[in-house]
């Protein structure tokens, strides 16, 4: 148990990697760990798209970058700031040895006639996918890899689905970059007491 706690405490979001590719065996172990996450109704709504080819990663990074530029221009940012942000995003996506796009599908979730319960069911699918992603991040750390969860696909899910020719019911939730780390990080957390409300009978 102490090893698990230390693993959780020492994991960091790593964004810089060496050029070494991630062996197929480790990729399979990452995905297997992800699929052992808990899920609502045990429906396992997670889906994974694996990107290792340089041209495919560059194509995705370019397509997402075009949407990012459009959004930032609509926000009124100057061209230099837009290119700085877009360039940083492109480098992170295209430069990682391994990309794992975490998606969900509502296909196997419960369906309801009212919007309220349909919305809750979708939230349950999102939570399930997120738990799979956490499993994957911890497994990467345990296997000596670095990884980082990028939320960028949430801002352009249609672009991601179209660029990668994914099934239409796959809904992108996060893009996980992974590889052998080329950086180390030290982070802190807010004091626990600032995040906890203790409920009593008084």
Protein backbone atom coordinates (compact mmCIF):
# COMPACT_ATOMS: atom_id res chain seq x y z
CA UNK A 1 0.00 0.00 0.00
CA UNK A 2 2.82 2.42 0.84
CA UNK A 3 4.25 1.86 -2.68
CA UNK A 4 0.92 2.82 -4.23
CA UNK A 5 0.64 5.98 -2.14
CA UNK A 6 4.18 6.97 -3.10
CA UNK A 7 3.40 6.33 -6.76
CA UNK A 8 0.37 8.60 -6.54
CA UNK A 9 2.31 11.31 -4.74
CA UNK A 10 5.31 11.25 -7.10
CA UNK A 11 3.44 11.28 -10.42
CA UNK A 12 3.79 14.51 -12.37
CA UNK A 13 2.53 15.88 -15.69
CA UNK A 14 5.54 15.47 -17.99
CA UNK A 15 5.54 17.37 -21.29
CA UNK A 16 9.08 16.80 -22.57
CA UNK A 17 10.27 13.39 -23.76
CA UNK A 18 13.28 11.74 -25.31
CA UNK A 19 13.10 10.57 -28.92
CA UNK A 20 12.87 6.92 -27.82
CA UNK A 21 9.67 5.22 -28.92
CA UNK A 22 7.43 3.42 -26.43
CA UNK A 23 7.50 -0.37 -26.99
CA UNK A 24 4.24 -1.99 -28.06
CA UNK A 25 4.26 -4.17 -24.96
CA UNK A 26 4.22 -1.11 -22.71
CA UNK A 27 1.44 0.50 -24.72
CA UNK A 28 -0.65 -2.62 -24.22
CA UNK A 29 0.08 -2.58 -20.49
CA UNK A 30 -1.01 1.06 -20.28
CA UNK A 31 -4.28 0.34 -22.04
CA UNK A 32 -4.92 -2.77 -19.97
CA UNK A 33 -4.44 -0.77 -16.77
CA UNK A 34 -6.85 1.86 -18.07
CA UNK A 35 -9.56 -0.71 -18.75
CA UNK A 36 -9.48 -1.95 -15.16
CA UNK A 37 -10.88 1.35 -13.91
CA UNK A 38 -14.34 1.35 -12.35
CA UNK A 39 -17.17 2.48 -14.60
CA UNK A 40 -20.86 3.29 -14.28
CA UNK A 41 -22.95 0.09 -14.56
CA UNK A 42 -19.63 -1.57 -15.55
CA UNK A 43 -20.37 -0.42 -19.12
CA UNK A 44 -16.72 0.52 -19.78
CA UNK A 45 -17.55 3.39 -22.17
CA UNK A 46 -13.91 4.32 -22.77
CA UNK A 47 -12.32 4.07 -26.22
CA UNK A 48 -8.69 4.67 -27.16
CA UNK A 49 -7.08 5.85 -30.38
CA UNK A 50 -3.32 5.23 -30.55
CA UNK A 51 -1.14 7.63 -32.55
CA UNK A 52 2.53 6.81 -33.05
CA UNK A 53 3.14 7.76 -36.68
CA UNK A 54 4.79 11.15 -37.05
CA UNK A 55 2.69 12.23 -40.03
CA UNK A 56 -0.55 11.38 -38.25
CA UNK A 57 0.46 13.27 -35.13
CA UNK A 58 1.46 16.28 -37.23
CA UNK A 59 -1.84 16.17 -39.13
CA UNK A 60 -3.81 16.17 -35.89
CA UNK A 61 -1.66 18.93 -34.39
CA UNK A 62 -2.13 21.07 -37.50
CA UNK A 63 -5.91 20.60 -37.59
CA UNK A 64 -6.30 21.36 -33.89
CA UNK A 65 -3.99 24.36 -34.28
CA UNK A 66 -6.19 25.85 -36.97
CA UNK A 67 -9.20 25.71 -34.66
CA UNK A 68 -7.15 27.16 -31.80
CA UNK A 69 -6.05 30.09 -33.96
CA UNK A 70 -9.65 30.75 -34.96
CA UNK A 71 -10.84 30.72 -31.34
CA UNK A 72 -8.03 32.93 -30.06
CA UNK A 73 -8.56 35.42 -32.88
CA UNK A 74 -12.24 35.60 -31.91
CA UNK A 75 -11.09 36.36 -28.36
CA UNK A 76 -9.21 39.38 -29.68
CA UNK A 77 -5.66 38.15 -28.98
CA UNK A 78 -2.89 39.68 -31.07
CA UNK A 79 -1.26 37.58 -33.77
CA UNK A 80 2.01 37.12 -31.86
CA UNK A 81 0.22 35.67 -28.82
CA UNK A 82 -1.89 33.43 -31.05
CA UNK A 83 1.15 32.03 -32.84
CA UNK A 84 2.95 31.52 -29.55
CA UNK A 85 0.08 29.47 -28.10
CA UNK A 86 -0.53 27.56 -31.33
CA UNK A 87 3.16 26.80 -31.74
CA UNK A 88 3.44 25.49 -28.19
CA UNK A 89 0.40 23.26 -28.68
CA UNK A 90 1.71 21.94 -32.00
CA UNK A 91 5.07 21.05 -30.46
CA UNK A 92 3.50 19.22 -27.54
CA UNK A 93 1.22 17.13 -29.74
CA UNK A 94 3.51 16.41 -32.67
CA UNK A 95 6.66 15.95 -30.60
CA UNK A 96 5.46 13.26 -28.17
CA UNK A 97 6.53 9.71 -29.08
CA UNK A 98 3.07 8.38 -28.19
CA UNK A 99 -0.39 9.92 -28.21
CA UNK A 100 -3.38 8.19 -26.66
CA UNK A 101 -6.68 9.86 -27.43
CA UNK A 102 -9.14 8.99 -24.68
CA UNK A 103 -12.73 8.97 -25.90
CA UNK A 104 -16.08 7.79 -24.63
CA UNK A 105 -19.11 6.38 -26.36
CA UNK A 106 -22.64 6.56 -24.95
CA UNK A 107 -23.61 3.49 -26.99
CA UNK A 108 -23.77 1.11 -24.05
CA UNK A 109 -24.98 3.59 -21.41
CA UNK A 110 -28.60 3.67 -20.24
CA UNK A 111 -31.03 5.78 -22.23
CA UNK A 112 -33.87 7.79 -20.70
CA UNK A 113 -36.79 9.71 -22.16
CA UNK A 114 -36.01 12.90 -20.21
CA UNK A 115 -33.10 15.30 -20.61
CA UNK A 116 -32.28 15.40 -16.88
CA UNK A 117 -31.46 11.70 -16.59
CA UNK A 118 -29.82 11.58 -20.01
CA UNK A 119 -27.53 14.35 -18.82
CA UNK A 120 -26.66 12.48 -15.64
CA UNK A 121 -25.93 9.34 -17.63
CA UNK A 122 -23.53 11.28 -19.84
CA UNK A 123 -21.80 12.68 -16.76
CA UNK A 124 -21.37 9.11 -15.52
CA UNK A 125 -19.74 8.16 -18.82
CA UNK A 126 -17.39 11.14 -18.56
CA UNK A 127 -16.45 10.17 -15.00
CA UNK A 128 -15.81 6.60 -16.09
CA UNK A 129 -13.51 7.70 -18.90
CA UNK A 130 -11.65 10.03 -16.56
CA UNK A 131 -11.00 7.18 -14.11
CA UNK A 132 -9.58 5.12 -16.98
CA UNK A 133 -7.33 8.04 -17.81
CA UNK A 134 -6.07 8.26 -14.23
CA UNK A 135 -5.28 4.55 -14.26
CA UNK A 136 -3.33 5.08 -17.47
CA UNK A 137 -1.34 8.00 -16.06
CA UNK A 138 -0.40 6.07 -12.93
CA UNK A 139 0.55 3.00 -14.98
CA UNK A 140 2.79 5.15 -17.17
CA UNK A 141 4.56 6.49 -14.10
CA UNK A 142 4.96 2.98 -12.66
CA UNK A 143 6.50 1.80 -15.94
CA UNK A 144 9.07 4.59 -16.03
CA UNK A 145 7.24 6.71 -18.58
CA UNK A 146 6.18 10.32 -18.42
CA UNK A 147 2.69 11.38 -19.46
CA UNK A 148 0.45 14.42 -19.57
CA UNK A 149 -3.30 14.80 -20.03
CA UNK A 150 -4.22 17.56 -22.50
CA UNK A 151 -7.83 18.78 -22.46
CA UNK A 152 -7.53 20.44 -25.88
CA UNK A 153 -9.76 17.90 -27.70
CA UNK A 154 -12.72 19.15 -25.66
CA UNK A 155 -12.50 22.45 -27.54
CA UNK A 156 -12.55 20.85 -30.99
CA UNK A 157 -14.05 17.34 -30.81
CA UNK A 158 -15.42 17.54 -34.35
CA UNK A 159 -11.97 18.39 -35.70
CA UNK A 160 -10.39 15.45 -33.87
CA UNK A 161 -13.03 12.93 -34.98
CA UNK A 162 -12.87 14.08 -38.60
CA UNK A 163 -9.08 14.25 -38.78
CA UNK A 164 -8.61 10.76 -37.36
CA UNK A 165 -11.69 9.27 -39.11
CA UNK A 166 -13.00 7.97 -35.78
CA UNK A 167 -16.40 6.31 -35.37
CA UNK A 168 -19.01 9.10 -35.11
CA UNK A 169 -20.13 8.09 -31.60
CA UNK A 170 -16.61 8.44 -30.16
CA UNK A 171 -16.45 11.64 -28.10
CA UNK A 172 -12.89 12.87 -27.40
CA UNK A 173 -12.24 13.62 -23.73
CA UNK A 174 -8.49 14.05 -23.46
CA UNK A 175 -5.26 13.60 -25.35
CA UNK A 176 -2.54 11.87 -23.34
CA UNK A 177 1.03 12.46 -24.47
CA UNK A 178 3.54 9.88 -23.31
CA UNK A 179 7.17 8.85 -23.65
CA UNK A 180 10.38 8.48 -21.72
CA UNK A 181 10.73 11.67 -19.65
CA UNK A 182 13.27 14.33 -20.54
CA UNK A 183 12.40 16.51 -17.53
CA UNK A 184 11.64 16.23 -13.84
CA UNK A 185 9.13 18.23 -11.84
CA UNK A 186 8.40 19.03 -8.24
CA UNK A 187 4.91 20.16 -7.33
CA UNK A 188 3.03 20.90 -4.13
CA UNK A 189 -0.60 20.64 -3.09
CA UNK A 190 -2.85 22.97 -1.16
CA UNK A 191 -3.23 22.08 2.54
CA UNK A 192 -5.78 19.31 2.92
CA UNK A 193 -7.82 21.34 5.39
CA UNK A 194 -8.59 23.92 2.70
CA UNK A 195 -10.30 21.28 0.55
CA UNK A 196 -12.26 19.29 3.14
CA UNK A 197 -15.56 19.97 4.90
CA UNK A 198 -16.18 17.63 7.77
CA UNK A 199 -19.88 16.83 8.22
CA UNK A 200 -21.04 16.18 11.78
CA UNK A 201 -24.36 15.41 13.45
CA UNK A 202 -24.29 18.66 15.46
